[in-house]
Structures are given as C-alpha cells and as structure tokens.
Amino acid sequence: QVQLVESGGGLVQAGGSLRLSCVASRRTFSNYVMAWFRQAPGKEREFVSGISWNGARTYHSDSVKGRFTISRDNAKNTVYLQMNSLKPEDTAVYYCAADPLSSVLVRTAAREYEYWGQGTQVSVSS
C-alpha cells in the first residue's frame, strides 16, 4: 500500500503560477510511474502529466503542454507539478497517482493507476 499526499493548491489569478507536491509513503515509489490527473465539476478525471521512474521521460496533455512541468525527487519520495500561465479552465481538483505496474511507460488512463491521493483544489480566477 502506498499513501500519496498532495499539497500546494490554492486560488490564483489567471497568468499566475502554482507548484503542487505529492509525497509518497514508501521508498518503492521510486520504481513507479507517477502522474497528475485533474477533475473539474461535472467532468471526467483527465490525465495532465506523467513521469517515468527516473524522470527521463515526461508526458503532458496537449492542454497543458508548454505551461506545466512534471518532475520528481526520488530521494524525497516526492513528485511535483509546476504550473505556469494558469488559465481559468485549469480550475479543478488535482490528483497525484502511482502506477506500480510500470516504471517507464506512462499511461494516460486513470484506471491504470492503483494508488491515488486525496486531491488538492486549484482555482484560477479570470
């Protein structure tokens, strides 16, 4: 079992920045693909960004490419999501997720991820 705890959400004006963090409870975290998903009210949970076990591969959805950056520090059991140039449409609950069955391949379907954090709210005002 892996517990994931997100932090860093908040209210920001359009064009602003936030940095989300996700701390994992186990060192085996360093073997897993990690990802960020988000879910807006009335919408399905969607893939935002993912990163391979060593950070060599990262993937971002088209909607955030060029604005968001995912990274990880395995020594701290932590994955980050740096969000710049935020837009009102980025408003959602952001979830950290772990895929213990993959170290390299970043999958974009939420059903592929076994462990989830509780989520952190990001609100962007216009």
Foldseek 3Di string as FASTA:
>chain_A
DKAKAKDWADEEAAQAKIKMKIAIDDLCLLQWKKFKWWDDPPGDIWTAKIAASQRPDIDGDPVQPPFWDWDADSVRRMIMIIGGRDDQVVWTWMKMFIQSVGRHDDDTDPVNTDYIYPTDTHGYHD
